[in-house]
Amino acid sequence: MAFITVSDGTRLSYKHWGPKDAQPVMFHHGWPLSTDDWDNAEHDTEAGHDPISR
């Protein structure tokens, strides 16, 4: 799992699949789920997209 630190110092985790030059597709979960809940959806996205989950 990767992390990014935003301007207020908050550290966010994310998962990233797919080619970096492809059109990004963002999956965001709500409480009480986790980024793992998107595993199947991310792998099933149309070819040519870059799935990212948070």
Protein backbone atom coordinates (compact mmCIF):
# COMPACT_ATOMS: atom_id res chain seq x y z
CA MET A 1 0.00 0.00 0.00
CA ALA A 2 1.26 3.46 -0.88
CA PHE A 3 0.89 6.70 1.08
CA ILE A 4 0.65 10.39 0.24
CA THR A 5 0.94 13.29 2.69
CA VAL A 6 -1.44 16.18 1.99
CA SER A 7 -0.92 19.87 2.77
CA ASP A 8 -2.22 19.70 6.36
CA GLY A 9 0.12 16.81 7.18
CA THR A 10 -2.54 14.08 7.01
CA ARG A 11 -1.17 10.82 5.63
CA LEU A 12 -3.53 8.96 3.27
CA SER A 13 -3.10 5.38 2.09
CA TYR A 14 -4.07 4.20 -1.38
CA LYS A 15 -3.78 1.24 -3.76
CA HIS A 16 -2.75 1.73 -7.36
CA TRP A 17 -3.09 -0.72 -10.27
CA GLY A 18 -2.67 -0.35 -13.97
CA PRO A 19 -0.44 1.63 -16.31
CA LYS A 20 0.50 5.08 -15.04
CA ASP A 21 -0.20 6.70 -18.43
CA ALA A 22 -3.80 5.39 -18.61
CA GLN A 23 -6.99 7.28 -17.75
CA PRO A 24 -7.31 7.16 -13.93
CA VAL A 25 -10.44 5.75 -12.28
CA MET A 26 -10.83 6.57 -8.57
CA PHE A 27 -12.63 4.23 -6.17
CA HIS A 28 -13.43 5.72 -2.75
CA HIS A 29 -15.00 3.79 0.11
CA GLY A 30 -17.23 5.10 2.87
CA TRP A 31 -17.30 4.19 6.53
CA PRO A 32 -17.04 1.37 7.73
CA LEU A 33 -15.50 -0.17 4.59
CA SER A 34 -11.84 -0.23 3.58
CA THR A 35 -9.89 0.13 0.36
CA ASP A 36 -9.75 -3.70 0.23
CA ASP A 37 -13.46 -3.75 -0.60
CA TRP A 38 -12.60 -2.47 -4.09
CA ASP A 39 -10.12 -5.27 -4.95
CA ASN A 40 -12.47 -7.10 -7.35
CA ALA A 41 -13.80 -3.93 -8.99
CA GLU A 42 -10.31 -2.60 -9.63
CA HIS A 43 -9.17 -5.77 -11.34
CA ASP A 44 -12.34 -5.85 -13.46
CA THR A 45 -12.05 -2.31 -14.84
CA GLU A 46 -11.93 -1.82 -18.56
CA ALA A 47 -8.50 -2.11 -20.17
CA GLY A 48 -6.81 1.21 -20.66
CA HIS A 49 -7.76 2.57 -17.23
CA ASP A 50 -5.58 3.09 -14.20
CA PRO A 51 -7.57 2.04 -11.09
CA ILE A 52 -6.72 3.80 -7.80
CA SER A 53 -8.53 3.17 -4.51
CA ARG A 54 -8.65 5.22 -1.35
